[in-house]
Full PDB file with SEQRES, HELIX, SHEET, SSBOND, CRYST1, ORIGX, SCALE, CONECT and MASTER records, all heavy atoms in Angstrom:
SEQRES   1 A   39  CYS ALA ALA ALA LEU THR PRO ALA GLU ALA ARG GLU ALA          
SEQRES   2 A   39  LYS ARG ARG TRP ASP GLU LEU CYS GLN ILE ARG LYS ASP          
SEQRES   3 A   39  LYS LEU ASP GLN ILE LEU PRO GLN ALA MET ARG GLU ASN          
HELIX    1 AA1 PRO A    7  ALA A   10  1                                   4    
HELIX    2 AA2 GLU A   12  ASP A   26  1                                  15    
HELIX    3 AA3 LYS A   27  ILE A   31  3                                   5    
HELIX    4 AA4 LEU A   32  GLU A   38  1                                   7    
CRYST1    1.000    1.000    1.000  90.00  90.00  90.00 P 1           1          
ORIGX1      1.000000  0.000000  0.000000        0.00000                         
ORIGX2      0.000000  1.000000  0.000000        0.00000                         
ORIGX3      0.000000  0.000000  1.000000        0.00000                         
SCALE1      1.000000  0.000000  0.000000        0.00000                         
SCALE2      0.000000  1.000000  0.000000        0.00000                         
SCALE3      0.000000  0.000000  1.000000        0.00000                         
ATOM      1  N   CYS A   1     -63.807 -45.297 102.803  1.00  0.00           N  
ATOM      2  CA  CYS A   1     -62.895 -46.337 103.273  1.00  0.00           C  
ATOM      3  C   CYS A   1     -63.240 -47.686 102.663  1.00  0.00           C  
ATOM      4  O   CYS A   1     -62.368 -48.461 102.259  1.00  0.00           O  
ATOM      5  CB  CYS A   1     -62.943 -46.431 104.800  1.00  0.00           C  
ATOM      6  SG  CYS A   1     -62.208 -45.011 105.621  1.00  0.00           S  
ATOM      7  N   ALA A   2     -64.552 -47.983 102.572  1.00  0.00           N  
ATOM      8  CA  ALA A   2     -64.967 -49.260 102.007  1.00  0.00           C  
ATOM      9  C   ALA A   2     -64.595 -49.338 100.533  1.00  0.00           C  
ATOM     10  O   ALA A   2     -64.126 -50.359 100.039  1.00  0.00           O  
ATOM     11  CB  ALA A   2     -66.467 -49.445 102.196  1.00  0.00           C  
ATOM     12  N   ALA A   3     -64.773 -48.224  99.819  1.00  0.00           N  
ATOM     13  CA  ALA A   3     -64.457 -48.205  98.397  1.00  0.00           C  
ATOM     14  C   ALA A   3     -62.965 -48.339  98.167  1.00  0.00           C  
ATOM     15  O   ALA A   3     -62.524 -48.877  97.154  1.00  0.00           O  
ATOM     16  CB  ALA A   3     -64.981 -46.911  97.773  1.00  0.00           C  
ATOM     17  N   ALA A   4     -62.164 -47.833  99.124  1.00  0.00           N  
ATOM     18  CA  ALA A   4     -60.707 -47.851  98.950  1.00  0.00           C  
ATOM     19  C   ALA A   4     -60.094 -49.197  99.268  1.00  0.00           C  
ATOM     20  O   ALA A   4     -58.925 -49.419  98.993  1.00  0.00           O  
ATOM     21  CB  ALA A   4     -60.078 -46.780  99.835  1.00  0.00           C  
ATOM     22  N   LEU A   5     -60.866 -50.109  99.866  1.00  0.00           N  
ATOM     23  CA  LEU A   5     -60.336 -51.415 100.253  1.00  0.00           C  
ATOM     24  C   LEU A   5     -60.174 -52.282  99.016  1.00  0.00           C  
ATOM     25  O   LEU A   5     -61.158 -52.662  98.361  1.00  0.00           O  
ATOM     26  CB  LEU A   5     -61.274 -52.092 101.248  1.00  0.00           C  
ATOM     27  CG  LEU A   5     -60.782 -53.396 101.868  1.00  0.00           C  
ATOM     28  CD1 LEU A   5     -59.541 -53.130 102.718  1.00  0.00           C  
ATOM     29  CD2 LEU A   5     -61.870 -54.021 102.718  1.00  0.00           C  
ATOM     30  N   THR A   6     -58.948 -52.574  98.645  1.00  0.00           N  
ATOM     31  CA  THR A   6     -58.682 -53.367  97.451  1.00  0.00           C  
ATOM     32  C   THR A   6     -58.772 -54.848  97.762  1.00  0.00           C  
ATOM     33  O   THR A   6     -58.650 -55.261  98.926  1.00  0.00           O  
ATOM     34  CB  THR A   6     -57.275 -53.065  96.916  1.00  0.00           C  
ATOM     35  OG1 THR A   6     -56.314 -53.550  97.860  1.00  0.00           O  
ATOM     36  CG2 THR A   6     -57.077 -51.572  96.707  1.00  0.00           C  
ATOM     37  N   PRO A   7     -58.957 -55.697  96.740  1.00  0.00           N  
ATOM     38  CA  PRO A   7     -58.964 -57.148  96.985  1.00  0.00           C  
ATOM     39  C   PRO A   7     -57.677 -57.633  97.650  1.00  0.00           C  
ATOM     40  O   PRO A   7     -57.709 -58.528  98.488  1.00  0.00           O  
ATOM     41  CB  PRO A   7     -59.125 -57.731  95.579  1.00  0.00           C  
ATOM     42  CG  PRO A   7     -59.843 -56.663  94.810  1.00  0.00           C  
ATOM     43  CD  PRO A   7     -59.311 -55.364  95.348  1.00  0.00           C  
ATOM     44  N   ALA A   8     -56.551 -57.037  97.283  1.00  0.00           N  
ATOM     45  CA  ALA A   8     -55.278 -57.449  97.890  1.00  0.00           C  
ATOM     46  C   ALA A   8     -55.267 -57.166  99.379  1.00  0.00           C  
ATOM     47  O   ALA A   8     -54.797 -57.977 100.184  1.00  0.00           O  
ATOM     48  CB  ALA A   8     -54.113 -56.723  97.206  1.00  0.00           C  
ATOM     49  N   GLU A   9     -55.811 -55.989  99.783  1.00  0.00           N  
ATOM     50  CA  GLU A   9     -55.879 -55.652 101.201  1.00  0.00           C  
ATOM     51  C   GLU A   9     -56.833 -56.590 101.928  1.00  0.00           C  
ATOM     52  O   GLU A   9     -56.596 -56.976 103.069  1.00  0.00           O  
ATOM     53  CB  GLU A   9     -56.322 -54.198 101.358  1.00  0.00           C  
ATOM     54  CG  GLU A   9     -55.261 -53.194 100.917  1.00  0.00           C  
ATOM     55  CD  GLU A   9     -55.794 -51.778 100.847  1.00  0.00           C  
ATOM     56  OE1 GLU A   9     -57.007 -51.610 100.625  1.00  0.00           O  
ATOM     57  OE2 GLU A   9     -54.996 -50.843 100.998  1.00  0.00           O  
ATOM     58  N   ALA A  10     -57.918 -56.932 101.269  1.00  0.00           N  
ATOM     59  CA  ALA A  10     -58.884 -57.841 101.891  1.00  0.00           C  
ATOM     60  C   ALA A  10     -58.289 -59.220 102.113  1.00  0.00           C  
ATOM     61  O   ALA A  10     -58.720 -59.956 102.997  1.00  0.00           O  
ATOM     62  CB  ALA A  10     -60.134 -57.930 101.022  1.00  0.00           C  
ATOM     63  N   ARG A  11     -57.306 -59.611 101.320  1.00  0.00           N  
ATOM     64  CA  ARG A  11     -56.677 -60.929 101.448  1.00  0.00           C  
ATOM     65  C   ARG A  11     -55.556 -60.966 102.466  1.00  0.00           C  
ATOM     66  O   ARG A  11     -55.023 -62.032 102.760  1.00  0.00           O  
ATOM     67  CB  ARG A  11     -56.140 -61.384 100.086  1.00  0.00           C  
ATOM     68  CG  ARG A  11     -57.208 -61.744  99.063  1.00  0.00           C  
ATOM     69  CD  ARG A  11     -56.603 -62.514  97.903  1.00  0.00           C  
ATOM     70  NE  ARG A  11     -55.614 -61.727  97.190  1.00  0.00           N  
ATOM     71  CZ  ARG A  11     -55.870 -60.958  96.139  1.00  0.00           C  
ATOM     72  NH1 ARG A  11     -57.117 -60.842  95.694  1.00  0.00           N  
ATOM     73  NH2 ARG A  11     -54.912 -60.280  95.533  1.00  0.00           N  
ATOM     74  N   GLU A  12     -55.151 -59.801 102.990  1.00  0.00           N  
ATOM     75  CA  GLU A  12     -53.989 -59.777 103.878  1.00  0.00           C  
ATOM     76  C   GLU A  12     -54.212 -60.591 105.146  1.00  0.00           C  
ATOM     77  O   GLU A  12     -53.287 -61.272 105.622  1.00  0.00           O  
ATOM     78  CB  GLU A  12     -53.636 -58.328 104.228  1.00  0.00           C  
ATOM     79  CG  GLU A  12     -52.480 -58.161 105.204  1.00  0.00           C  
ATOM     80  CD  GLU A  12     -51.139 -58.656 104.678  1.00  0.00           C  
ATOM     81  OE1 GLU A  12     -51.041 -59.022 103.480  1.00  0.00           O  
ATOM     82  OE2 GLU A  12     -50.184 -58.693 105.472  1.00  0.00           O  
ATOM     83  N   ALA A  13     -55.409 -60.553 105.703  1.00  0.00           N  
ATOM     84  CA  ALA A  13     -55.680 -61.329 106.917  1.00  0.00           C  
ATOM     85  C   ALA A  13     -55.481 -62.818 106.657  1.00  0.00           C  
ATOM     86  O   ALA A  13     -54.881 -63.533 107.477  1.00  0.00           O  
ATOM     87  CB  ALA A  13     -57.097 -61.058 107.412  1.00  0.00           C  
ATOM     88  N   LYS A  14     -55.968 -63.307 105.512  1.00  0.00           N  
ATOM     89  CA  LYS A  14     -55.809 -64.737 105.178  1.00  0.00           C  
ATOM     90  C   LYS A  14     -54.340 -65.068 104.908  1.00  0.00           C  
ATOM     91  O   LYS A  14     -53.857 -66.136 105.304  1.00  0.00           O  
ATOM     92  CB  LYS A  14     -56.658 -65.080 103.956  1.00  0.00           C  
ATOM     93  CG  LYS A  14     -56.618 -66.565 103.553  1.00  0.00           C  
ATOM     94  CD  LYS A  14     -57.109 -67.474 104.671  1.00  0.00           C  
ATOM     95  CE  LYS A  14     -57.426 -68.880 104.173  1.00  0.00           C  
ATOM     96  NZ  LYS A  14     -56.284 -69.573 103.586  1.00  0.00           N  
ATOM     97  N   ARG A  15     -53.641 -64.159 104.235  1.00  0.00           N  
ATOM     98  CA  ARG A  15     -52.216 -64.401 103.973  1.00  0.00           C  
ATOM     99  C   ARG A  15     -51.452 -64.535 105.276  1.00  0.00           C  
ATOM    100  O   ARG A  15     -50.623 -65.444 105.443  1.00  0.00           O  
ATOM    101  CB  ARG A  15     -51.622 -63.260 103.133  1.00  0.00           C  
ATOM    102  CG  ARG A  15     -50.170 -63.511 102.704  1.00  0.00           C  
ATOM    103  CD  ARG A  15     -49.445 -62.228 102.353  1.00  0.00           C  
ATOM    104  NE  ARG A  15     -49.219 -61.394 103.513  1.00  0.00           N  
ATOM    105  CZ  ARG A  15     -48.272 -61.630 104.443  1.00  0.00           C  
ATOM    106  NH1 ARG A  15     -47.504 -62.700 104.356  1.00  0.00           N  
ATOM    107  NH2 ARG A  15     -48.125 -60.813 105.461  1.00  0.00           N  
ATOM    108  N   ARG A  16     -51.718 -63.641 106.228  1.00  0.00           N  
ATOM    109  CA  ARG A  16     -51.020 -63.701 107.514  1.00  0.00           C  
ATOM    110  C   ARG A  16     -51.416 -64.955 108.294  1.00  0.00           C  
ATOM    111  O   ARG A  16     -50.579 -65.547 108.984  1.00  0.00           O  
ATOM    112  CB  ARG A  16     -51.303 -62.440 108.341  1.00  0.00           C  
ATOM    113  CG  ARG A  16     -50.669 -61.198 107.759  1.00  0.00           C  
ATOM    114  CD  ARG A  16     -50.661 -60.057 108.763  1.00  0.00           C  
ATOM    115  NE  ARG A  16     -50.165 -58.814 108.161  1.00  0.00           N  
ATOM    116  CZ  ARG A  16     -49.857 -57.727 108.850  1.00  0.00           C  
ATOM    117  NH1 ARG A  16     -49.991 -57.711 110.163  1.00  0.00           N  
ATOM    118  NH2 ARG A  16     -49.416 -56.647 108.232  1.00  0.00           N  
ATOM    119  N   TRP A  17     -52.681 -65.348 108.202  1.00  0.00           N  
ATOM    120  CA  TRP A  17     -53.106 -66.566 108.893  1.00  0.00           C  
ATOM    121  C   TRP A  17     -52.376 -67.785 108.340  1.00  0.00           C  
ATOM    122  O   TRP A  17     -51.890 -68.627 109.096  1.00  0.00           O  
ATOM    123  CB  TRP A  17     -54.618 -66.754 108.773  1.00  0.00           C  
ATOM    124  CG  TRP A  17     -55.050 -68.086 109.314  1.00  0.00           C  
ATOM    125  CD1 TRP A  17     -55.459 -69.179 108.603  1.00  0.00           C  
ATOM    126  CD2 TRP A  17     -55.045 -68.491 110.681  1.00  0.00           C  
ATOM    127  NE1 TRP A  17     -55.729 -70.225 109.442  1.00  0.00           N  
ATOM    128  CE2 TRP A  17     -55.473 -69.828 110.732  1.00  0.00           C  
ATOM    129  CE3 TRP A  17     -54.723 -67.844 111.873  1.00  0.00           C  
ATOM    130  CZ2 TRP A  17     -55.589 -70.531 111.922  1.00  0.00           C  
ATOM    131  CZ3 TRP A  17     -54.835 -68.548 113.069  1.00  0.00           C  
ATOM    132  CH2 TRP A  17     -55.266 -69.870 113.075  1.00  0.00           C  
ATOM    133  N   ASP A  18     -52.274 -67.889 107.018  1.00  0.00           N  
ATOM    134  CA  ASP A  18     -51.569 -69.021 106.423  1.00  0.00           C  
ATOM    135  C   ASP A  18     -50.099 -69.034 106.830  1.00  0.00           C  
ATOM    136  O   ASP A  18     -49.526 -70.098 107.097  1.00  0.00           O  
ATOM    137  CB  ASP A  18     -51.678 -68.962 104.894  1.00  0.00           C  
ATOM    138  CG  ASP A  18     -53.090 -69.252 104.385  1.00  0.00           C  
ATOM    139  OD1 ASP A  18     -53.882 -69.848 105.149  1.00  0.00           O  
ATOM    140  OD2 ASP A  18     -53.396 -68.879 103.244  1.00  0.00           O  
ATOM    141  N   GLU A  19     -49.497 -67.853 106.876  1.00  0.00           N  
ATOM    142  CA  GLU A  19     -48.098 -67.753 107.291  1.00  0.00           C  
ATOM    143  C   GLU A  19     -47.928 -68.201 108.743  1.00  0.00           C  
ATOM    144  O   GLU A  19     -47.014 -68.975 109.071  1.00  0.00           O  
ATOM    145  CB  GLU A  19     -47.616 -66.314 107.121  1.00  0.00           C  
ATOM    146  CG  GLU A  19     -46.172 -66.098 107.521  1.00  0.00           C  
ATOM    147  CD  GLU A  19     -45.751 -64.639 107.406  1.00  0.00           C  
ATOM    148  OE1 GLU A  19     -46.582 -63.743 107.655  1.00  0.00           O  
ATOM    149  OE2 GLU A  19     -44.577 -64.391 107.078  1.00  0.00           O  
ATOM    150  N   LEU A  20     -48.825 -67.739 109.612  1.00  0.00           N  
ATOM    151  CA  LEU A  20     -48.746 -68.106 111.020  1.00  0.00           C  
ATOM    152  C   LEU A  20     -48.966 -69.601 111.206  1.00  0.00           C  
ATOM    153  O   LEU A  20     -48.287 -70.238 112.028  1.00  0.00           O  
ATOM    154  CB  LEU A  20     -49.777 -67.312 111.813  1.00  0.00           C  
ATOM    155  CG  LEU A  20     -49.847 -67.565 113.319  1.00  0.00           C  
ATOM    156  CD1 LEU A  20     -48.502 -67.304 113.978  1.00  0.00           C  
ATOM    157  CD2 LEU A  20     -50.937 -66.706 113.947  1.00  0.00           C  
ATOM    158  N   CYS A  21     -49.900 -70.176 110.469  1.00  0.00           N  
ATOM    159  CA  CYS A  21     -50.137 -71.616 110.553  1.00  0.00           C  
ATOM    160  C   CYS A  21     -48.882 -72.393 110.172  1.00  0.00           C  
ATOM    161  O   CYS A  21     -48.514 -73.375 110.835  1.00  0.00           O  
ATOM    162  CB  CYS A  21     -51.311 -71.996 109.651  1.00  0.00           C  
ATOM    163  SG  CYS A  21     -51.750 -73.748 109.716  1.00  0.00           S  
ATOM    164  N   GLN A  22     -48.187 -71.947 109.120  1.00  0.00           N  
ATOM    165  CA  GLN A  22     -46.967 -72.646 108.709  1.00  0.00           C  
ATOM    166  C   GLN A  22     -45.870 -72.509 109.759  1.00  0.00           C  
ATOM    167  O   GLN A  22     -45.118 -73.458 110.027  1.00  0.00           O  
ATOM    168  CB  GLN A  22     -46.482 -72.092 107.366  1.00  0.00           C  
ATOM    169  CG  GLN A  22     -45.357 -72.912 106.732  1.00  0.00           C  
ATOM    170  CD  GLN A  22     -45.811 -74.316 106.385  1.00  0.00           C  
ATOM    171  OE1 GLN A  22     -46.831 -74.497 105.732  1.00  0.00           O  
ATOM    172  NE2 GLN A  22     -45.067 -75.315 106.840  1.00  0.00           N  
ATOM    173  N   ILE A  23     -45.764 -71.340 110.369  1.00  0.00           N  
ATOM    174  CA  ILE A  23     -44.784 -71.141 111.440  1.00  0.00           C  
ATOM    175  C   ILE A  23     -45.040 -72.123 112.574  1.00  0.00           C  
ATOM    176  O   ILE A  23     -44.112 -72.763 113.092  1.00  0.00           O  
ATOM    177  CB  ILE A  23     -44.851 -69.680 111.948  1.00  0.00           C  
ATOM    178  CG1 ILE A  23     -44.238 -68.733 110.913  1.00  0.00           C  
ATOM    179  CG2 ILE A  23     -44.141 -69.533 113.297  1.00  0.00           C  
ATOM    180  CD1 ILE A  23     -44.465 -67.266 111.223  1.00  0.00           C  
ATOM    181  N   ARG A  24     -46.287 -72.264 112.972  1.00  0.00           N  
ATOM    182  CA  ARG A  24     -46.627 -73.191 114.055  1.00  0.00           C  
ATOM    183  C   ARG A  24     -46.325 -74.632 113.670  1.00  0.00           C  
ATOM    184  O   ARG A  24     -45.769 -75.403 114.470  1.00  0.00           O  
ATOM    185  CB  ARG A  24     -48.104 -73.030 114.411  1.00  0.00           C  
ATOM    186  CG  ARG A  24     -48.430 -71.726 115.134  1.00  0.00           C  
ATOM    187  CD  ARG A  24     -49.919 -71.443 115.114  1.00  0.00           C  
ATOM    188  NE  ARG A  24     -50.304 -70.420 116.085  1.00  0.00           N  
ATOM    189  CZ  ARG A  24     -51.445 -69.760 116.048  1.00  0.00           C  
ATOM    190  NH1 ARG A  24     -52.338 -70.008 115.084  1.00  0.00           N  
ATOM    191  NH2 ARG A  24     -51.719 -68.852 116.977  1.00  0.00           N  
ATOM    192  N   LYS A  25     -46.702 -75.024 112.466  1.00  0.00           N  
ATOM    193  CA  LYS A  25     -46.437 -76.395 112.016  1.00  0.00           C  
ATOM    194  C   LYS A  25     -44.933 -76.686 112.042  1.00  0.00           C  
ATOM    195  O   LYS A  25     -44.493 -77.734 112.529  1.00  0.00           O  
ATOM    196  CB  LYS A  25     -46.977 -76.598 110.610  1.00  0.00           C  
ATOM    197  CG  LYS A  25     -48.483 -76.709 110.511  1.00  0.00           C  
ATOM    198  CD  LYS A  25     -48.920 -76.866 109.059  1.00  0.00           C  
ATOM    199  CE  LYS A  25     -50.424 -77.017 108.937  1.00  0.00           C  
ATOM    200  NZ  LYS A  25     -50.866 -77.102 107.520  1.00  0.00           N  
ATOM    201  N   ASP A  26     -44.159 -75.765 111.502  1.00  0.00           N  
ATOM    202  CA  ASP A  26     -42.719 -75.981 111.438  1.00  0.00           C  
ATOM    203  C   ASP A  26     -42.107 -76.060 112.834  1.00  0.00           C  
ATOM    204  O   ASP A  26     -41.199 -76.865 113.079  1.00  0.00           O  
ATOM    205  CB  ASP A  26     -42.052 -74.858 110.635  1.00  0.00           C  
ATOM    206  CG  ASP A  26     -42.408 -74.901 109.158  1.00  0.00           C  
ATOM    207  OD1 ASP A  26     -42.972 -75.921 108.712  1.00  0.00           O  
ATOM    208  OD2 ASP A  26     -42.138 -73.910 108.447  1.00  0.00           O  
ATOM    209  N   LYS A  27     -42.586 -75.232 113.750  1.00  0.00           N  
ATOM    210  CA  LYS A  27     -42.063 -75.245 115.116  1.00  0.00           C  
ATOM    211  C   LYS A  27     -42.299 -76.610 115.767  1.00  0.00           C  
ATOM    212  O   LYS A  27     -41.399 -77.187 116.384  1.00  0.00           O  
ATOM    213  CB  LYS A  27     -42.746 -74.137 115.931  1.00  0.00           C  
ATOM    214  CG  LYS A  27     -42.339 -74.088 117.398  1.00  0.00           C  
ATOM    215  CD  LYS A  27     -40.929 -73.560 117.575  1.00  0.00           C  
ATOM    216  CE  LYS A  27     -40.909 -72.053 117.644  1.00  0.00           C  
ATOM    217  NZ  LYS A  27     -39.536 -71.547 117.971  1.00  0.00           N  
ATOM    218  N   LEU A  28     -43.508 -77.140 115.633  1.00  0.00           N  
ATOM    219  CA  LEU A  28     -43.833 -78.413 116.268  1.00  0.00           C  
ATOM    220  C   LEU A  28     -43.195 -79.596 115.551  1.00  0.00           C  
ATOM    221  O   LEU A  28     -42.823 -80.587 116.181  1.00  0.00           O  
ATOM    222  CB  LEU A  28     -45.354 -78.591 116.332  1.00  0.00           C  
ATOM    223  CG  LEU A  28     -46.099 -77.563 117.190  1.00  0.00           C  
ATOM    224  CD1 LEU A  28     -47.595 -77.841 117.178  1.00  0.00           C  
ATOM    225  CD2 LEU A  28     -45.573 -77.541 118.616  1.00  0.00           C  
ATOM    226  N   ASP A  29     -43.051 -79.494 114.233  1.00  0.00           N  
ATOM    227  CA  ASP A  29     -42.444 -80.593 113.471  1.00  0.00           C  
ATOM    228  C   ASP A  29     -40.932 -80.650 113.638  1.00  0.00           C  
ATOM    229  O   ASP A  29     -40.348 -81.729 113.791  1.00  0.00           O  
ATOM    230  CB  ASP A  29     -42.764 -80.443 111.980  1.00  0.00           C  
ATOM    231  CG  ASP A  29     -44.190 -80.816 111.628  1.00  0.00           C  
ATOM    232  OD1 ASP A  29     -44.850 -81.480 112.448  1.00  0.00           O  
ATOM    233  OD2 ASP A  29     -44.643 -80.445 110.526  1.00  0.00           O  
ATOM    234  N   GLN A  30     -40.289 -79.478 113.620  1.00  0.00           N  
ATOM    235  CA  GLN A  30     -38.834 -79.449 113.486  1.00  0.00           C  
ATOM    236  C   GLN A  30     -38.089 -79.128 114.777  1.00  0.00           C  
ATOM    237  O   GLN A  30     -36.979 -79.617 114.979  1.00  0.00           O  
ATOM    238  CB  GLN A  30     -38.450 -78.419 112.405  1.00  0.00           C  
ATOM    239  CG  GLN A  30     -39.038 -78.752 111.035  1.00  0.00           C  
ATOM    240  CD  GLN A  30     -38.741 -77.676 110.008  1.00  0.00           C  
ATOM    241  OE1 GLN A  30     -37.685 -77.051 110.028  1.00  0.00           O  
ATOM    242  NE2 GLN A  30     -39.677 -77.441 109.111  1.00  0.00           N  
ATOM    243  N   ILE A  31     -38.664 -78.298 115.624  1.00  0.00           N  
ATOM    244  CA  ILE A  31     -37.961 -77.849 116.820  1.00  0.00           C  
ATOM    245  C   ILE A  31     -38.331 -78.684 118.045  1.00  0.00           C  
ATOM    246  O   ILE A  31     -37.464 -79.074 118.832  1.00  0.00           O  
ATOM    247  CB  ILE A  31     -38.264 -76.360 117.107  1.00  0.00           C  
ATOM    248  CG1 ILE A  31     -37.914 -75.488 115.898  1.00  0.00           C  
ATOM    249  CG2 ILE A  31     -37.528 -75.895 118.359  1.00  0.00           C  
ATOM    250  CD1 ILE A  31     -36.447 -75.490 115.522  1.00  0.00           C  
ATOM    251  N   LEU A  32     -39.594 -78.960 118.226  1.00  0.00           N  
ATOM    252  CA  LEU A  32     -40.060 -79.623 119.447  1.00  0.00           C  
ATOM    253  C   LEU A  32     -39.427 -80.992 119.701  1.00  0.00           C  
ATOM    254  O   LEU A  32     -39.006 -81.253 120.841  1.00  0.00           O  
ATOM    255  CB  LEU A  32     -41.584 -79.729 119.422  1.00  0.00           C  
ATOM    256  CG  LEU A  32     -42.225 -80.360 120.655  1.00  0.00           C  
ATOM    257  CD1 LEU A  32     -41.942 -79.526 121.909  1.00  0.00           C  
ATOM    258  CD2 LEU A  32     -43.732 -80.532 120.465  1.00  0.00           C  
ATOM    259  N   PRO A  33     -39.321 -81.897 118.712  1.00  0.00           N  
ATOM    260  CA  PRO A  33     -38.757 -83.225 119.025  1.00  0.00           C  
ATOM    261  C   PRO A  33     -37.341 -83.156 119.593  1.00  0.00           C  
ATOM    262  O   PRO A  33     -37.039 -83.809 120.610  1.00  0.00           O  
ATOM    263  CB  PRO A  33     -38.787 -83.945 117.672  1.00  0.00           C  
ATOM    264  CG  PRO A  33     -39.881 -83.268 116.904  1.00  0.00           C  
ATOM    265  CD  PRO A  33     -39.803 -81.832 117.313  1.00  0.00           C  
ATOM    266  N   GLN A  34     -36.485 -82.394 118.977  1.00  0.00           N  
ATOM    267  CA  GLN A  34     -35.106 -82.278 119.446  1.00  0.00           C  
ATOM    268  C   GLN A  34     -35.051 -81.667 120.835  1.00  0.00           C  
ATOM    269  O   GLN A  34     -34.308 -82.131 121.713  1.00  0.00           O  
ATOM    270  CB  GLN A  34     -34.298 -81.431 118.464  1.00  0.00           C  
ATOM    271  CG  GLN A  34     -32.818 -81.305 118.830  1.00  0.00           C  
ATOM    272  CD  GLN A  34     -32.082 -80.392 117.864  1.00  0.00           C  
ATOM    273  OE1 GLN A  34     -32.510 -79.273 117.601  1.00  0.00           O  
ATOM    274  NE2 GLN A  34     -30.976 -80.884 117.318  1.00  0.00           N  
ATOM    275  N   ALA A  35     -35.850 -80.617 121.069  1.00  0.00           N  
ATOM    276  CA  ALA A  35     -35.827 -79.945 122.370  1.00  0.00           C  
ATOM    277  C   ALA A  35     -36.304 -80.871 123.481  1.00  0.00           C  
ATOM    278  O   ALA A  35     -35.719 -80.897 124.576  1.00  0.00           O  
ATOM    279  CB  ALA A  35     -36.688 -78.682 122.319  1.00  0.00           C  
ATOM    280  N   MET A  36     -37.357 -81.634 123.245  1.00  0.00           N  
ATOM    281  CA  MET A  36     -37.850 -82.554 124.276  1.00  0.00           C  
ATOM    282  C   MET A  36     -36.811 -83.623 124.590  1.00  0.00           C  
ATOM    283  O   MET A  36     -36.564 -83.947 125.769  1.00  0.00           O  
ATOM    284  CB  MET A  36     -39.164 -83.193 123.832  1.00  0.00           C  
ATOM    285  CG  MET A  36     -40.356 -82.249 123.894  1.00  0.00           C  
ATOM    286  SD  MET A  36     -41.946 -83.034 123.465  1.00  0.00           S  
ATOM    287  CE  MET A  36     -42.126 -84.210 124.826  1.00  0.00           C  
ATOM    288  N   ARG A  37     -36.184 -84.162 123.584  1.00  0.00           N  
ATOM    289  CA  ARG A  37     -35.219 -85.248 123.806  1.00  0.00           C  
ATOM    290  C   ARG A  37     -33.945 -84.742 124.464  1.00  0.00           C  
ATOM    291  O   ARG A  37     -33.370 -85.425 125.319  1.00  0.00           O  
ATOM    292  CB  ARG A  37     -34.953 -85.958 122.479  1.00  0.00           C  
ATOM    293  CG  ARG A  37     -36.163 -86.783 122.046  1.00  0.00           C  
ATOM    294  CD  ARG A  37     -36.200 -87.177 120.603  1.00  0.00           C  
ATOM    295  NE  ARG A  37     -37.507 -87.812 120.313  1.00  0.00           N  
ATOM    296  CZ  ARG A  37     -37.960 -88.063 119.095  1.00  0.00           C  
ATOM    297  NH1 ARG A  37     -37.242 -87.735 118.017  1.00  0.00           N  
ATOM    298  NH2 ARG A  37     -39.144 -88.630 118.925  1.00  0.00           N  
ATOM    299  N   GLU A  38     -33.496 -83.559 124.093  1.00  0.00           N  
ATOM    300  CA  GLU A  38     -32.310 -83.001 124.745  1.00  0.00           C  
ATOM    301  C   GLU A  38     -32.555 -82.761 126.232  1.00  0.00           C  
ATOM    302  O   GLU A  38     -31.638 -82.901 127.048  1.00  0.00           O  
ATOM    303  CB  GLU A  38     -31.916 -81.676 124.091  1.00  0.00           C  
ATOM    304  CG  GLU A  38     -31.198 -81.820 122.767  1.00  0.00           C  
ATOM    305  CD  GLU A  38     -30.755 -80.481 122.224  1.00  0.00           C  
ATOM    306  OE1 GLU A  38     -30.774 -79.490 122.983  1.00  0.00           O  
ATOM    307  OE2 GLU A  38     -30.389 -80.427 121.033  1.00  0.00           O  
ATOM    308  N   ASN A  39     -33.778 -82.404 126.585  1.00  0.00           N  
ATOM    309  CA  ASN A  39     -34.101 -82.080 127.973  1.00  0.00           C  
ATOM    310  C   ASN A  39     -34.660 -83.263 128.757  1.00  0.00           C  
ATOM    311  O   ASN A  39     -35.008 -83.105 129.937  1.00  0.00           O  
ATOM    312  CB  ASN A  39     -35.084 -80.906 128.005  1.00  0.00           C  
ATOM    313  CG  ASN A  39     -34.432 -79.581 127.655  1.00  0.00           C  
ATOM    314  OD1 ASN A  39     -33.766 -78.969 128.488  1.00  0.00           O  
ATOM    315  ND2 ASN A  39     -34.588 -79.138 126.414  1.00  0.00           N  
TER     316      ASN A  39                                                      
MASTER        0    0    0    4    0    0    0    6  315    1    0    3          
END                                                                             
């Protein structure tokens, strides 16, 4: 299993973390201000 782990597979956790971080940033930057003010 260790030998079969490719560099691309090893990077998947970091790729998903970066994606999730961007999702959170965009939510707070773009969605939150309008929602708070409307309510």
